Structure formats: C-alpha cells, structure tokens
Amino acid sequence: MEADITSQAVGLASNTDFSLWSLFLRADFIVKSVILMLIGCSIYSWAVIIEKFRLFKKINLESEEFSLCMTKHNQWVSH
C-alpha cells in the first residue's frame, strides 16, 4: 500500500514542470497579482536607488568644485 502511494507520488512529480514560468502560470490570481506587485515594487525601488546615486554623485562633484573655488578665492584674499 505504501509502495503504491510512493510510486504514485514519484510519478506525479516527474510529470510536473517546476520551472518558475510554469509555477507562475499555474498559480492562483491572488498569487500572480502579489508576484507582479513585488516585481513592480522592486523595479521602482531600484529606480529610486539609481536616481539617489546619481543625485549624490552630482552633489559631491558640485561640493568639490565649490571647495576648489573657495580655496582659490582665499588665496587671493590672503595675499
């Protein structure tokens, strides 16, 4: 009896495709919507991270330019 159940379970698992795409296609509507929302939030988060990285890089460059300008100005004033 147990051998029959085990062989049936093994037979079912060998016929089933466990790729991500097939799991997504077989999922319920709510599961699909949650997965799509998570993917969308992930894309949005990475967009924010990249935008902040660019902003801080620009601020850092402008700060260095300002610092150089101030040191040049202070050299003219002190002499």
N, C-alpha and C. Protein backbone atom coordinates (compact mmCIF):
# COMPACT_ATOMS: atom_id res chain seq x y z
N MET A 1 0.81 -1.19 0.00
CA MET A 1 0.00 0.00 0.00
C MET A 1 0.86 1.26 0.00
N GLU A 2 1.84 1.30 0.91
CA GLU A 2 2.72 2.47 0.97
C GLU A 2 3.58 2.57 -0.28
N ALA A 3 3.97 1.46 -0.82
CA ALA A 3 4.79 1.46 -2.04
C ALA A 3 3.99 2.04 -3.20
N ASP A 4 2.70 1.74 -3.26
CA ASP A 4 1.85 2.28 -4.33
C ASP A 4 1.74 3.80 -4.21
N ILE A 5 1.57 4.29 -2.99
CA ILE A 5 1.45 5.74 -2.78
C ILE A 5 2.76 6.43 -3.13
N THR A 6 3.86 5.83 -2.73
CA THR A 6 5.16 6.41 -3.04
C THR A 6 5.41 6.43 -4.54
N SER A 7 5.09 5.35 -5.22
CA SER A 7 5.31 5.31 -6.67
C SER A 7 4.39 6.29 -7.39
N GLN A 8 3.18 6.50 -6.87
CA GLN A 8 2.28 7.48 -7.47
C GLN A 8 2.81 8.90 -7.26
N ALA A 9 3.31 9.16 -6.06
CA ALA A 9 3.84 10.49 -5.77
C ALA A 9 5.06 10.78 -6.63
N VAL A 10 5.92 9.79 -6.80
CA VAL A 10 7.11 9.97 -7.64
C VAL A 10 6.68 10.16 -9.08
N GLY A 11 5.68 9.43 -9.53
CA GLY A 11 5.19 9.56 -10.89
C GLY A 11 4.59 10.93 -11.15
N LEU A 12 3.86 11.45 -10.19
CA LEU A 12 3.29 12.79 -10.35
C LEU A 12 4.37 13.86 -10.39
N ALA A 13 5.38 13.73 -9.56
CA ALA A 13 6.44 14.73 -9.51
C ALA A 13 7.27 14.72 -10.79
N SER A 14 7.43 13.57 -11.40
CA SER A 14 8.24 13.52 -12.61
C SER A 14 7.51 14.13 -13.81
N ASN A 15 6.18 14.14 -13.79
CA ASN A 15 5.42 14.70 -14.90
C ASN A 15 5.20 16.21 -14.75
N THR A 16 5.40 16.73 -13.58
CA THR A 16 5.12 18.13 -13.32
C THR A 16 6.36 18.98 -13.59
N ASP A 17 6.14 20.08 -14.28
CA ASP A 17 7.22 21.01 -14.58
C ASP A 17 7.31 22.03 -13.45
N PHE A 18 8.46 22.14 -12.81
CA PHE A 18 8.64 23.05 -11.69
C PHE A 18 9.47 24.28 -12.06
N SER A 19 9.42 24.69 -13.31
CA SER A 19 10.13 25.91 -13.69
C SER A 19 9.35 27.11 -13.15
N LEU A 20 10.03 28.22 -13.01
CA LEU A 20 9.38 29.41 -12.45
C LEU A 20 8.19 29.85 -13.31
N TRP A 21 8.35 29.78 -14.62
CA TRP A 21 7.28 30.21 -15.52
C TRP A 21 6.06 29.31 -15.38
N SER A 22 6.27 28.01 -15.32
CA SER A 22 5.12 27.11 -15.21
C SER A 22 4.45 27.25 -13.83
N LEU A 23 5.24 27.45 -12.79
CA LEU A 23 4.66 27.68 -11.46
C LEU A 23 3.84 28.96 -11.45
N PHE A 24 4.33 30.00 -12.12
CA PHE A 24 3.58 31.25 -12.20
C PHE A 24 2.28 31.07 -12.97
N LEU A 25 2.35 30.36 -14.07
CA LEU A 25 1.14 30.15 -14.89
C LEU A 25 0.09 29.33 -14.16
N ARG A 26 0.52 28.38 -13.32
CA ARG A 26 -0.43 27.55 -12.59
C ARG A 26 -0.92 28.20 -11.31
N ALA A 27 -0.33 29.32 -10.91
CA ALA A 27 -0.70 29.96 -9.65
C ALA A 27 -2.08 30.60 -9.73
N ASP A 28 -2.63 30.84 -8.55
CA ASP A 28 -3.93 31.48 -8.44
C ASP A 28 -3.82 32.97 -8.79
N PHE A 29 -4.95 33.61 -9.03
CA PHE A 29 -4.97 35.03 -9.41
C PHE A 29 -4.31 35.91 -8.33
N ILE A 30 -4.60 35.64 -7.08
CA ILE A 30 -4.04 36.46 -5.99
C ILE A 30 -2.53 36.29 -5.92
N VAL A 31 -2.05 35.07 -6.09
CA VAL A 31 -0.61 34.82 -6.07
C VAL A 31 0.07 35.55 -7.23
N LYS A 32 -0.55 35.48 -8.40
CA LYS A 32 0.01 36.19 -9.56
C LYS A 32 0.04 37.69 -9.33
N SER A 33 -1.03 38.23 -8.76
CA SER A 33 -1.07 39.67 -8.52
C SER A 33 -0.02 40.09 -7.48
N VAL A 34 0.18 39.29 -6.44
CA VAL A 34 1.21 39.61 -5.44
C VAL A 34 2.60 39.56 -6.06
N ILE A 35 2.86 38.55 -6.87
CA ILE A 35 4.16 38.44 -7.53
C ILE A 35 4.40 39.64 -8.44
N LEU A 36 3.40 40.03 -9.21
CA LEU A 36 3.55 41.18 -10.11
C LEU A 36 3.74 42.47 -9.32
N MET A 37 3.03 42.61 -8.20
CA MET A 37 3.22 43.80 -7.36
C MET A 37 4.64 43.83 -6.77
N LEU A 38 5.15 42.69 -6.35
CA LEU A 38 6.51 42.64 -5.80
C LEU A 38 7.55 42.97 -6.87
N ILE A 39 7.35 42.48 -8.08
CA ILE A 39 8.26 42.80 -9.17
C ILE A 39 8.22 44.29 -9.48
N GLY A 40 7.00 44.86 -9.52
CA GLY A 40 6.86 46.29 -9.76
C GLY A 40 7.51 47.13 -8.68
N CYS A 41 7.32 46.75 -7.42
CA CYS A 41 7.95 47.48 -6.31
C CYS A 41 9.47 47.36 -6.35
N SER A 42 9.96 46.21 -6.76
CA SER A 42 11.40 46.03 -6.88
C SER A 42 11.98 46.94 -7.96
N ILE A 43 11.31 47.00 -9.10
CA ILE A 43 11.78 47.87 -10.19
C ILE A 43 11.75 49.33 -9.73
N TYR A 44 10.67 49.74 -9.07
CA TYR A 44 10.57 51.11 -8.56
C TYR A 44 11.68 51.40 -7.55
N SER A 45 11.95 50.46 -6.65
CA SER A 45 13.00 50.66 -5.64
C SER A 45 14.36 50.84 -6.29
N TRP A 46 14.66 50.02 -7.30
CA TRP A 46 15.95 50.16 -7.98
C TRP A 46 16.03 51.47 -8.73
N ALA A 47 14.91 51.94 -9.27
CA ALA A 47 14.91 53.25 -9.95
C ALA A 47 15.22 54.36 -8.95
N VAL A 48 14.64 54.28 -7.76
CA VAL A 48 14.92 55.28 -6.73
C VAL A 48 16.37 55.21 -6.28
N ILE A 49 16.89 54.01 -6.10
CA ILE A 49 18.29 53.85 -5.68
C ILE A 49 19.23 54.44 -6.71
N ILE A 50 19.00 54.16 -7.98
CA ILE A 50 19.87 54.69 -9.04
C ILE A 50 19.77 56.20 -9.11
N GLU A 51 18.55 56.75 -8.99
CA GLU A 51 18.37 58.20 -9.02
C GLU A 51 19.08 58.88 -7.85
N LYS A 52 18.99 58.29 -6.66
CA LYS A 52 19.69 58.85 -5.49
C LYS A 52 21.19 58.78 -5.67
N PHE A 53 21.68 57.70 -6.25
CA PHE A 53 23.11 57.57 -6.51
C PHE A 53 23.58 58.68 -7.44
N ARG A 54 22.83 58.92 -8.50
CA ARG A 54 23.19 59.99 -9.43
C ARG A 54 23.13 61.36 -8.76
N LEU A 55 22.10 61.58 -7.93
CA LEU A 55 21.96 62.85 -7.24
C LEU A 55 23.12 63.11 -6.30
N PHE A 56 23.48 62.10 -5.49
CA PHE A 56 24.59 62.28 -4.55
C PHE A 56 25.92 62.44 -5.29
N LYS A 57 26.08 61.79 -6.42
CA LYS A 57 27.30 61.96 -7.21
C LYS A 57 27.39 63.40 -7.72
N LYS A 58 26.26 63.94 -8.20
CA LYS A 58 26.23 65.32 -8.68
C LYS A 58 26.51 66.30 -7.54
N ILE A 59 25.90 66.06 -6.38
CA ILE A 59 26.12 66.93 -5.22
C ILE A 59 27.58 66.87 -4.78
N ASN A 60 28.17 65.72 -4.81
CA ASN A 60 29.57 65.56 -4.43
C ASN A 60 30.49 66.32 -5.38
N LEU A 61 30.22 66.24 -6.68
CA LEU A 61 31.04 66.97 -7.66
C LEU A 61 30.89 68.47 -7.47
N GLU A 62 29.66 68.94 -7.27
CA GLU A 62 29.45 70.37 -7.06
C GLU A 62 30.11 70.85 -5.77
N SER A 63 30.11 70.01 -4.75
CA SER A 63 30.76 70.37 -3.49
C SER A 63 32.28 70.50 -3.68
N GLU A 64 32.85 69.58 -4.45
CA GLU A 64 34.29 69.66 -4.73
C GLU A 64 34.63 70.91 -5.53
N GLU A 65 33.78 71.24 -6.53
CA GLU A 65 34.01 72.46 -7.31
C GLU A 65 33.92 73.70 -6.42
N PHE A 66 32.95 73.73 -5.54
CA PHE A 66 32.80 74.85 -4.62
C PHE A 66 34.00 74.97 -3.70
N SER A 67 34.48 73.84 -3.21
CA SER A 67 35.65 73.85 -2.32
C SER A 67 36.88 74.39 -3.05
N LEU A 68 37.08 73.96 -4.29
CA LEU A 68 38.22 74.47 -5.06
C LEU A 68 38.09 75.96 -5.32
N CYS A 69 36.88 76.40 -5.63
CA CYS A 69 36.64 77.83 -5.88
C CYS A 69 36.93 78.64 -4.62
N MET A 70 36.52 78.14 -3.47
CA MET A 70 36.73 78.87 -2.22
C MET A 70 38.21 78.92 -1.85
N THR A 71 38.95 77.83 -2.10
CA THR A 71 40.38 77.86 -1.78
C THR A 71 41.11 78.84 -2.70
N LYS A 72 40.71 78.90 -3.98
CA LYS A 72 41.32 79.88 -4.89
C LYS A 72 41.00 81.30 -4.44
N HIS A 73 39.77 81.53 -4.02
CA HIS A 73 39.36 82.85 -3.57
C HIS A 73 40.12 83.23 -2.29
N ASN A 74 40.30 82.29 -1.39
CA ASN A 74 41.01 82.59 -0.14
C ASN A 74 42.48 82.86 -0.40
N GLN A 75 43.07 82.27 -1.43
CA GLN A 75 44.46 82.56 -1.76
C GLN A 75 44.61 84.00 -2.24
N TRP A 76 43.64 84.51 -3.01
CA TRP A 76 43.70 85.88 -3.49
C TRP A 76 43.46 86.87 -2.35
N VAL A 77 42.60 86.53 -1.42
CA VAL A 77 42.29 87.45 -0.34
C VAL A 77 43.43 87.54 0.65
N SER A 78 44.10 86.43 0.95
CA SER A 78 45.14 86.44 1.97
C SER A 78 46.43 87.12 1.49
N HIS A 79 46.63 87.24 0.19
CA HIS A 79 47.85 87.87 -0.29
C HIS A 79 47.63 89.31 -0.44
